[in-house]
Amino acid sequence: MQKQGLLNIGFGNFVVLNRVVSIVNPTSAPMRRLREDARQDGRLIDATQGRKTRAIIVTDSNHVILSAIQAETIGQRFSAEEGE
């Protein structure tokens, strides 16, 4: 059985590690559309705690998670957790 770790996305919020498909920067127009489409479809999870969105995480269930932690930082955490 595969170990299911958790990925810290900031402020006490976690995502199941093996459900993450991508971690992207939110600044481009396609990412803004992705966020808006997810909001309209009820697939958006805002984990920013009211702060500026610095990363968008897409899961295998097509949910879109907003994080206030930089995408690079989350990517480093992801790599470290997968390596364990």
PDB file of N, CA and C in Angstrom:
ATOM      1  N   MET A   1       0.846  -1.189   0.000  1.00  0.00           N
ATOM      2  CA  MET A   1       0.000   0.000   0.000  1.00  0.00           C
ATOM      3  C   MET A   1       0.885   1.244   0.000  1.00  0.00           C
ATOM      4  N   GLN A   2       0.510   2.236  -0.824  1.00  0.00           N
ATOM      5  CA  GLN A   2       1.296   3.452  -0.936  1.00  0.00           C
ATOM      6  C   GLN A   2       1.015   4.379   0.244  1.00  0.00           C
ATOM      7  N   LYS A   3       2.072   4.968   0.779  1.00  0.00           N
ATOM      8  CA  LYS A   3       1.950   5.904   1.890  1.00  0.00           C
ATOM      9  C   LYS A   3       1.290   7.197   1.403  1.00  0.00           C
ATOM     10  N   GLN A   4       0.319   7.681   2.159  1.00  0.00           N
ATOM     11  CA  GLN A   4      -0.353   8.918   1.798  1.00  0.00           C
ATOM     12  C   GLN A   4       0.112  10.027   2.728  1.00  0.00           C
ATOM     13  N   GLY A   5       1.084  10.817   2.265  1.00  0.00           N
ATOM     14  CA  GLY A   5       1.575  11.938   3.045  1.00  0.00           C
ATOM     15  C   GLY A   5       0.720  13.163   2.821  1.00  0.00           C
ATOM     16  N   LEU A   6       0.968  14.156   3.645  1.00  0.00           N
ATOM     17  CA  LEU A   6       0.259  15.421   3.528  1.00  0.00           C
ATOM     18  C   LEU A   6       1.236  16.513   3.119  1.00  0.00           C
ATOM     19  N   LEU A   7       0.775  17.411   2.276  1.00  0.00           N
ATOM     20  CA  LEU A   7       1.569  18.536   1.806  1.00  0.00           C
ATOM     21  C   LEU A   7       1.058  19.795   2.491  1.00  0.00           C
ATOM     22  N   ASN A   8       1.956  20.462   3.237  1.00  0.00           N
ATOM     23  CA  ASN A   8       1.608  21.699   3.932  1.00  0.00           C
ATOM     24  C   ASN A   8       1.522  22.826   2.915  1.00  0.00           C
ATOM     25  N   ILE A   9       0.334  23.433   2.783  1.00  0.00           N
ATOM     26  CA  ILE A   9       0.164  24.538   1.837  1.00  0.00           C
ATOM     27  C   ILE A   9       0.007  25.867   2.560  1.00  0.00           C
ATOM     28  N   GLY A  10       0.331  25.885   3.851  1.00  0.00           N
ATOM     29  CA  GLY A  10       0.349  27.126   4.611  1.00  0.00           C
ATOM     30  C   GLY A  10      -0.806  27.303   5.562  1.00  0.00           C
ATOM     31  N   PHE A  11      -0.508  27.965   6.686  1.00  0.00           N
ATOM     32  CA  PHE A  11      -1.499  28.364   7.679  1.00  0.00           C
ATOM     33  C   PHE A  11      -2.317  27.200   8.222  1.00  0.00           C
ATOM     34  N   GLY A  12      -1.665  26.065   8.405  1.00  0.00           N
ATOM     35  CA  GLY A  12      -2.331  24.899   8.973  1.00  0.00           C
ATOM     36  C   GLY A  12      -3.201  24.138   7.997  1.00  0.00           C
ATOM     37  N   ASN A  13      -3.033  24.381   6.708  1.00  0.00           N
ATOM     38  CA  ASN A  13      -3.807  23.699   5.677  1.00  0.00           C
ATOM     39  C   ASN A  13      -2.933  22.674   4.964  1.00  0.00           C
ATOM     40  N   PHE A  14      -3.506  21.515   4.669  1.00  0.00           N
ATOM     41  CA  PHE A  14      -2.767  20.424   4.057  1.00  0.00           C
ATOM     42  C   PHE A  14      -3.563  19.821   2.903  1.00  0.00           C
ATOM     43  N   VAL A  15      -2.834  19.222   1.945  1.00  0.00           N
ATOM     44  CA  VAL A  15      -3.425  18.511   0.814  1.00  0.00           C
ATOM     45  C   VAL A  15      -2.803  17.125   0.794  1.00  0.00           C
ATOM     46  N   VAL A  16      -3.585  16.111   0.443  1.00  0.00           N
ATOM     47  CA  VAL A  16      -3.041  14.760   0.323  1.00  0.00           C
ATOM     48  C   VAL A  16      -2.044  14.762  -0.833  1.00  0.00           C
ATOM     49  N   LEU A  17      -0.829  14.330  -0.544  1.00  0.00           N
ATOM     50  CA  LEU A  17       0.300  14.440  -1.465  1.00  0.00           C
ATOM     51  C   LEU A  17       0.051  13.789  -2.821  1.00  0.00           C
ATOM     52  N   ASN A  18      -0.484  12.573  -2.824  1.00  0.00           N
ATOM     53  CA  ASN A  18      -0.621  11.871  -4.101  1.00  0.00           C
ATOM     54  C   ASN A  18      -1.864  12.282  -4.891  1.00  0.00           C
ATOM     55  N   ARG A  19      -2.598  13.287  -4.442  1.00  0.00           N
ATOM     56  CA  ARG A  19      -3.738  13.821  -5.204  1.00  0.00           C
ATOM     57  C   ARG A  19      -3.359  15.063  -6.007  1.00  0.00           C
ATOM     58  N   VAL A  20      -2.165  15.617  -5.761  1.00  0.00           N
ATOM     59  CA  VAL A  20      -1.726  16.843  -6.440  1.00  0.00           C
ATOM     60  C   VAL A  20      -1.300  16.531  -7.870  1.00  0.00           C
ATOM     61  N   VAL A  21      -1.865  17.273  -8.818  1.00  0.00           N
ATOM     62  CA  VAL A  21      -1.508  17.128 -10.228  1.00  0.00           C
ATOM     63  C   VAL A  21      -0.508  18.214 -10.619  1.00  0.00           C
ATOM     64  N   SER A  22      -0.758  19.460 -10.181  1.00  0.00           N
ATOM     65  CA  SER A  22       0.154  20.547 -10.530  1.00  0.00           C
ATOM     66  C   SER A  22       0.118  21.655  -9.484  1.00  0.00           C
ATOM     67  N   ILE A  23       1.236  22.397  -9.446  1.00  0.00           N
ATOM     68  CA  ILE A  23       1.374  23.570  -8.592  1.00  0.00           C
ATOM     69  C   ILE A  23       1.843  24.685  -9.518  1.00  0.00           C
ATOM     70  N   VAL A  24       1.030  25.722  -9.688  1.00  0.00           N
ATOM     71  CA  VAL A  24       1.325  26.748 -10.686  1.00  0.00           C
ATOM     72  C   VAL A  24       1.230  28.152 -10.094  1.00  0.00           C
ATOM     73  N   ASN A  25       1.863  29.110 -10.781  1.00  0.00           N
ATOM     74  CA  ASN A  25       1.760  30.520 -10.411  1.00  0.00           C
ATOM     75  C   ASN A  25       0.419  31.060 -10.889  1.00  0.00           C
ATOM     76  N   PRO A  26      -0.211  31.932 -10.116  1.00  0.00           N
ATOM     77  CA  PRO A  26      -1.563  32.391 -10.450  1.00  0.00           C
ATOM     78  C   PRO A  26      -1.632  33.618 -11.348  1.00  0.00           C
ATOM     79  N   THR A  27      -0.494  34.108 -11.850  1.00  0.00           N
ATOM     80  CA  THR A  27      -0.494  35.417 -12.505  1.00  0.00           C
ATOM     81  C   THR A  27      -0.936  35.422 -13.958  1.00  0.00           C
ATOM     82  N   SER A  28      -0.865  34.323 -14.654  1.00  0.00           N
ATOM     83  CA  SER A  28      -1.207  34.323 -16.083  1.00  0.00           C
ATOM     84  C   SER A  28      -2.725  34.317 -16.292  1.00  0.00           C
ATOM     85  N   ALA A  29      -3.132  34.766 -17.465  1.00  0.00           N
ATOM     86  CA  ALA A  29      -4.556  34.807 -17.798  1.00  0.00           C
ATOM     87  C   ALA A  29      -5.203  33.417 -17.781  1.00  0.00           C
ATOM     88  N   PRO A  30      -4.544  32.366 -18.300  1.00  0.00           N
ATOM     89  CA  PRO A  30      -5.175  31.038 -18.218  1.00  0.00           C
ATOM     90  C   PRO A  30      -5.403  30.568 -16.779  1.00  0.00           C
ATOM     91  N   MET A  31      -4.505  30.921 -15.883  1.00  0.00           N
ATOM     92  CA  MET A  31      -4.682  30.522 -14.480  1.00  0.00           C
ATOM     93  C   MET A  31      -5.813  31.312 -13.828  1.00  0.00           C
ATOM     94  N   ARG A  32      -5.982  32.550 -14.230  1.00  0.00           N
ATOM     95  CA  ARG A  32      -7.115  33.339 -13.724  1.00  0.00           C
ATOM     96  C   ARG A  32      -8.440  32.741 -14.200  1.00  0.00           C
ATOM     97  N   ARG A  33      -8.455  32.290 -15.477  1.00  0.00           N
ATOM     98  CA  ARG A  33      -9.666  31.632 -16.000  1.00  0.00           C
ATOM     99  C   ARG A  33      -9.926  30.323 -15.275  1.00  0.00           C
ATOM    100  N   LEU A  34      -8.859  29.571 -15.018  1.00  0.00           N
ATOM    101  CA  LEU A  34      -8.988  28.306 -14.283  1.00  0.00           C
ATOM    102  C   LEU A  34      -9.627  28.550 -12.921  1.00  0.00           C
ATOM    103  N   ARG A  35      -9.135  29.581 -12.227  1.00  0.00           N
ATOM    104  CA  ARG A  35      -9.669  29.926 -10.906  1.00  0.00           C
ATOM    105  C   ARG A  35     -11.146  30.323 -11.002  1.00  0.00           C
ATOM    106  N   GLU A  36     -11.481  31.160 -11.976  1.00  0.00           N
ATOM    107  CA  GLU A  36     -12.860  31.625 -12.115  1.00  0.00           C
ATOM    108  C   GLU A  36     -13.801  30.486 -12.507  1.00  0.00           C
ATOM    109  N   ASP A  37     -13.368  29.613 -13.406  1.00  0.00           N
ATOM    110  CA  ASP A  37     -14.185  28.454 -13.790  1.00  0.00           C
ATOM    111  C   ASP A  37     -14.432  27.544 -12.594  1.00  0.00           C
ATOM    112  N   ALA A  38     -13.388  27.315 -11.789  1.00  0.00           N
ATOM    113  CA  ALA A  38     -13.535  26.474 -10.596  1.00  0.00           C
ATOM    114  C   ALA A  38     -14.496  27.116  -9.604  1.00  0.00           C
ATOM    115  N   ARG A  39     -14.423  28.432  -9.450  1.00  0.00           N
ATOM    116  CA  ARG A  39     -15.331  29.136  -8.530  1.00  0.00           C
ATOM    117  C   ARG A  39     -16.779  28.953  -8.975  1.00  0.00           C
ATOM    118  N   GLN A  40     -17.027  29.123 -10.278  1.00  0.00           N
ATOM    119  CA  GLN A  40     -18.389  28.998 -10.796  1.00  0.00           C
ATOM    120  C   GLN A  40     -18.925  27.577 -10.665  1.00  0.00           C
ATOM    121  N   ASP A  41     -18.042  26.577 -10.794  1.00  0.00           N
ATOM    122  CA  ASP A  41     -18.451  25.170 -10.715  1.00  0.00           C
ATOM    123  C   ASP A  41     -18.450  24.617  -9.292  1.00  0.00           C
ATOM    124  N   GLY A  42     -18.036  25.411  -8.312  1.00  0.00           N
ATOM    125  CA  GLY A  42     -17.993  24.950  -6.932  1.00  0.00           C
ATOM    126  C   GLY A  42     -16.827  24.027  -6.636  1.00  0.00           C
ATOM    127  N   ARG A  43     -15.737  24.142  -7.409  1.00  0.00           N
ATOM    128  CA  ARG A  43     -14.553  23.303  -7.226  1.00  0.00           C
ATOM    129  C   ARG A  43     -13.389  24.070  -6.619  1.00  0.00           C
ATOM    130  N   LEU A  44     -13.612  25.318  -6.196  1.00  0.00           N
ATOM    131  CA  LEU A  44     -12.541  26.167  -5.685  1.00  0.00           C
ATOM    132  C   LEU A  44     -12.454  26.057  -4.162  1.00  0.00           C
ATOM    133  N   ILE A  45     -11.236  25.862  -3.671  1.00  0.00           N
ATOM    134  CA  ILE A  45     -10.978  25.850  -2.235  1.00  0.00           C
ATOM    135  C   ILE A  45      -9.973  26.948  -1.949  1.00  0.00           C
ATOM    136  N   ASP A  46     -10.372  27.922  -1.149  1.00  0.00           N
ATOM    137  CA  ASP A  46      -9.508  29.059  -0.833  1.00  0.00           C
ATOM    138  C   ASP A  46      -8.835  28.817   0.512  1.00  0.00           C
ATOM    139  N   ALA A  47      -7.528  28.517   0.476  1.00  0.00           N
ATOM    140  CA  ALA A  47      -6.763  28.268   1.696  1.00  0.00           C
ATOM    141  C   ALA A  47      -5.785  29.408   1.967  1.00  0.00           C
ATOM    142  N   THR A  48      -6.108  30.615   1.487  1.00  0.00           N
ATOM    143  CA  THR A  48      -5.196  31.751   1.635  1.00  0.00           C
ATOM    144  C   THR A  48      -5.345  32.479   2.962  1.00  0.00           C
ATOM    145  N   GLN A  49      -6.396  32.204   3.700  1.00  0.00           N
ATOM    146  CA  GLN A  49      -6.670  32.892   4.965  1.00  0.00           C
ATOM    147  C   GLN A  49      -6.743  34.410   4.766  1.00  0.00           C
ATOM    148  N   GLY A  50      -7.286  34.838   3.616  1.00  0.00           N
ATOM    149  CA  GLY A  50      -7.468  36.260   3.342  1.00  0.00           C
ATOM    150  C   GLY A  50      -6.248  36.954   2.781  1.00  0.00           C
ATOM    151  N   ARG A  51      -5.183  36.227   2.554  1.00  0.00           N
ATOM    152  CA  ARG A  51      -3.965  36.822   2.008  1.00  0.00           C
ATOM    153  C   ARG A  51      -3.948  36.706   0.481  1.00  0.00           C
ATOM    154  N   LYS A  52      -2.933  37.303  -0.128  1.00  0.00           N
ATOM    155  CA  LYS A  52      -2.784  37.274  -1.585  1.00  0.00           C
ATOM    156  C   LYS A  52      -2.499  35.847  -2.060  1.00  0.00           C
ATOM    157  N   THR A  53      -3.136  35.438  -3.157  1.00  0.00           N
ATOM    158  CA  THR A  53      -2.900  34.112  -3.739  1.00  0.00           C
ATOM    159  C   THR A  53      -1.548  34.099  -4.427  1.00  0.00           C
ATOM    160  N   ARG A  54      -0.679  33.175  -4.015  1.00  0.00           N
ATOM    161  CA  ARG A  54       0.661  33.068  -4.594  1.00  0.00           C
ATOM    162  C   ARG A  54       0.888  31.741  -5.308  1.00  0.00           C
ATOM    163  N   ALA A  55      -0.047  30.797  -5.146  1.00  0.00           N
ATOM    164  CA  ALA A  55       0.062  29.511  -5.840  1.00  0.00           C
ATOM    165  C   ALA A  55      -1.329  28.925  -6.038  1.00  0.00           C
ATOM    166  N   ILE A  56      -1.480  28.193  -7.136  1.00  0.00           N
ATOM    167  CA  ILE A  56      -2.705  27.452  -7.408  1.00  0.00           C
ATOM    168  C   ILE A  56      -2.326  25.982  -7.504  1.00  0.00           C
ATOM    169  N   ILE A  57      -3.051  25.147  -6.763  1.00  0.00           N
ATOM    170  CA  ILE A  57      -2.805  23.709  -6.750  1.00  0.00           C
ATOM    171  C   ILE A  57      -4.010  23.035  -7.393  1.00  0.00           C
ATOM    172  N   VAL A  58      -3.745  22.192  -8.382  1.00  0.00           N
ATOM    173  CA  VAL A  58      -4.808  21.455  -9.059  1.00  0.00           C
ATOM    174  C   VAL A  58      -4.699  19.999  -8.626  1.00  0.00           C
ATOM    175  N   THR A  59      -5.829  19.399  -8.269  1.00  0.00           N
ATOM    176  CA  THR A  59      -5.837  18.013  -7.802  1.00  0.00           C
ATOM    177  C   THR A  59      -6.398  17.082  -8.875  1.00  0.00           C
ATOM    178  N   ASP A  60      -6.241  15.785  -8.646  1.00  0.00           N
ATOM    179  CA  ASP A  60      -6.743  14.803  -9.604  1.00  0.00           C
ATOM    180  C   ASP A  60      -8.270  14.752  -9.650  1.00  0.00           C
ATOM    181  N   SER A  61      -8.933  15.318  -8.656  1.00  0.00           N
ATOM    182  CA  SER A  61     -10.394  15.391  -8.667  1.00  0.00           C
ATOM    183  C   SER A  61     -10.880  16.675  -9.340  1.00  0.00           C
ATOM    184  N   ASN A  62      -9.931  17.428  -9.942  1.00  0.00           N
ATOM    185  CA  ASN A  62     -10.196  18.674 -10.660  1.00  0.00           C
ATOM    186  C   ASN A  62     -10.575  19.822  -9.731  1.00  0.00           C
ATOM    187  N   HIS A  63     -10.278  19.708  -8.450  1.00  0.00           N
ATOM    188  CA  HIS A  63     -10.456  20.829  -7.533  1.00  0.00           C
ATOM    189  C   HIS A  63      -9.277  21.770  -7.687  1.00  0.00           C
ATOM    190  N   VAL A  64      -9.527  23.048  -7.454  1.00  0.00           N
ATOM    191  CA  VAL A  64      -8.498  24.079  -7.545  1.00  0.00           C
ATOM    192  C   VAL A  64      -8.351  24.685  -6.153  1.00  0.00           C
ATOM    193  N   ILE A  65      -7.128  24.640  -5.620  1.00  0.00           N
ATOM    194  CA  ILE A  65      -6.855  25.109  -4.271  1.00  0.00           C
ATOM    195  C   ILE A  65      -5.948  26.325  -4.354  1.00  0.00           C
ATOM    196  N   LEU A  66      -6.345  27.407  -3.690  1.00  0.00           N
ATOM    197  CA  LEU A  66      -5.539  28.620  -3.654  1.00  0.00           C
ATOM    198  C   LEU A  66      -4.707  28.632  -2.379  1.00  0.00           C
ATOM    199  N   SER A  67      -3.431  29.012  -2.510  1.00  0.00           N
ATOM    200  CA  SER A  67      -2.542  29.078  -1.358  1.00  0.00           C
ATOM    201  C   SER A  67      -1.820  30.422  -1.344  1.00  0.00           C
ATOM    202  N   ALA A  68      -1.514  30.924  -0.145  1.00  0.00           N
ATOM    203  CA  ALA A  68      -0.773  32.166   0.007  1.00  0.00           C
ATOM    204  C   ALA A  68       0.728  31.923   0.065  1.00  0.00           C
ATOM    205  N   ILE A  69       1.155  30.680  -0.085  1.00  0.00           N
ATOM    206  CA  ILE A  69       2.575  30.326  -0.088  1.00  0.00           C
ATOM    207  C   ILE A  69       3.052  30.272  -1.543  1.00  0.00           C
ATOM    208  N   GLN A  70       4.274  30.739  -1.801  1.00  0.00           N
ATOM    209  CA  GLN A  70       4.835  30.736  -3.153  1.00  0.00           C
ATOM    210  C   GLN A  70       4.818  29.327  -3.756  1.00  0.00           C
ATOM    211  N   ALA A  71       4.577  29.237  -5.060  1.00  0.00           N
ATOM    212  CA  ALA A  71       4.547  27.950  -5.761  1.00  0.00           C
ATOM    213  C   ALA A  71       5.891  27.230  -5.622  1.00  0.00           C
ATOM    214  N   GLU A  72       6.995  27.974  -5.653  1.00  0.00           N
ATOM    215  CA  GLU A  72       8.318  27.368  -5.524  1.00  0.00           C
ATOM    216  C   GLU A  72       8.492  26.699  -4.159  1.00  0.00           C
ATOM    217  N   THR A  73       8.008  27.361  -3.125  1.00  0.00           N
ATOM    218  CA  THR A  73       8.106  26.813  -1.767  1.00  0.00           C
ATOM    219  C   THR A  73       7.286  25.540  -1.637  1.00  0.00           C
ATOM    220  N   ILE A  74       6.071  25.564  -2.166  1.00  0.00           N
ATOM    221  CA  ILE A  74       5.221  24.368  -2.122  1.00  0.00           C
ATOM    222  C   ILE A  74       5.858  23.252  -2.932  1.00  0.00           C
ATOM    223  N   GLY A  75       6.448  23.593  -4.073  1.00  0.00           N
ATOM    224  CA  GLY A  75       7.140  22.602  -4.887  1.00  0.00           C
ATOM    225  C   GLY A  75       8.293  21.953  -4.149  1.00  0.00           C
ATOM    226  N   GLN A  76       9.051  22.738  -3.387  1.00  0.00           N
ATOM    227  CA  GLN A  76      10.148  22.200  -2.585  1.00  0.00           C
ATOM    228  C   GLN A  76       9.610  21.275  -1.508  1.00  0.00           C
ATOM    229  N   ARG A  77       8.535  21.665  -0.858  1.00  0.00           N
ATOM    230  CA  ARG A  77       7.919  20.817   0.172  1.00  0.00           C
ATOM    231  C   ARG A  77       7.417  19.510  -0.451  1.00  0.00           C
ATOM    232  N   PHE A  78       6.837  19.614  -1.645  1.00  0.00           N
ATOM    233  CA  PHE A  78       6.329  18.451  -2.359  1.00  0.00           C
ATOM    234  C   PHE A  78       7.475  17.477  -2.635  1.00  0.00           C
ATOM    235  N   SER A  79       8.578  17.992  -3.153  1.00  0.00           N
ATOM    236  CA  SER A  79       9.740  17.150  -3.461  1.00  0.00           C
ATOM    237  C   SER A  79      10.294  16.501  -2.202  1.00  0.00           C
ATOM    238  N   ALA A  80      10.364  17.258  -1.124  1.00  0.00           N
ATOM    239  CA  ALA A  80      10.894  16.722   0.136  1.00  0.00           C
ATOM    240  C   ALA A  80       9.993  15.623   0.686  1.00  0.00           C
ATOM    241  N   GLU A  81       8.684  15.798   0.611  1.00  0.00           N
ATOM    242  CA  GLU A  81       7.750  14.797   1.114  1.00  0.00           C
ATOM    243  C   GLU A  81       7.768  13.532   0.259  1.00  0.00           C
ATOM    244  N   GLU A  82       7.865  13.697  -1.046  1.00  0.00           N
ATOM    245  CA  GLU A  82       7.897  12.525  -1.939  1.00  0.00           C
ATOM    246  C   GLU A  82       9.170  11.718  -1.742  1.00  0.00           C
ATOM    247  N   GLY A  83      10.255  12.395  -1.375  1.00  0.00           N
ATOM    248  CA  GLY A  83      11.543  11.724  -1.195  1.00  0.00           C
ATOM    249  C   GLY A  83      11.609  10.855   0.053  1.00  0.00           C
ATOM    250  N   GLU A  84      10.725  11.120   1.021  1.00  0.00           N
ATOM    251  CA  GLU A  84      10.761  10.363   2.292  1.00  0.00           C
ATOM    252  C   GLU A  84      10.292   8.938   2.123  1.00  0.00           C
TER     253      GLU A  84
END
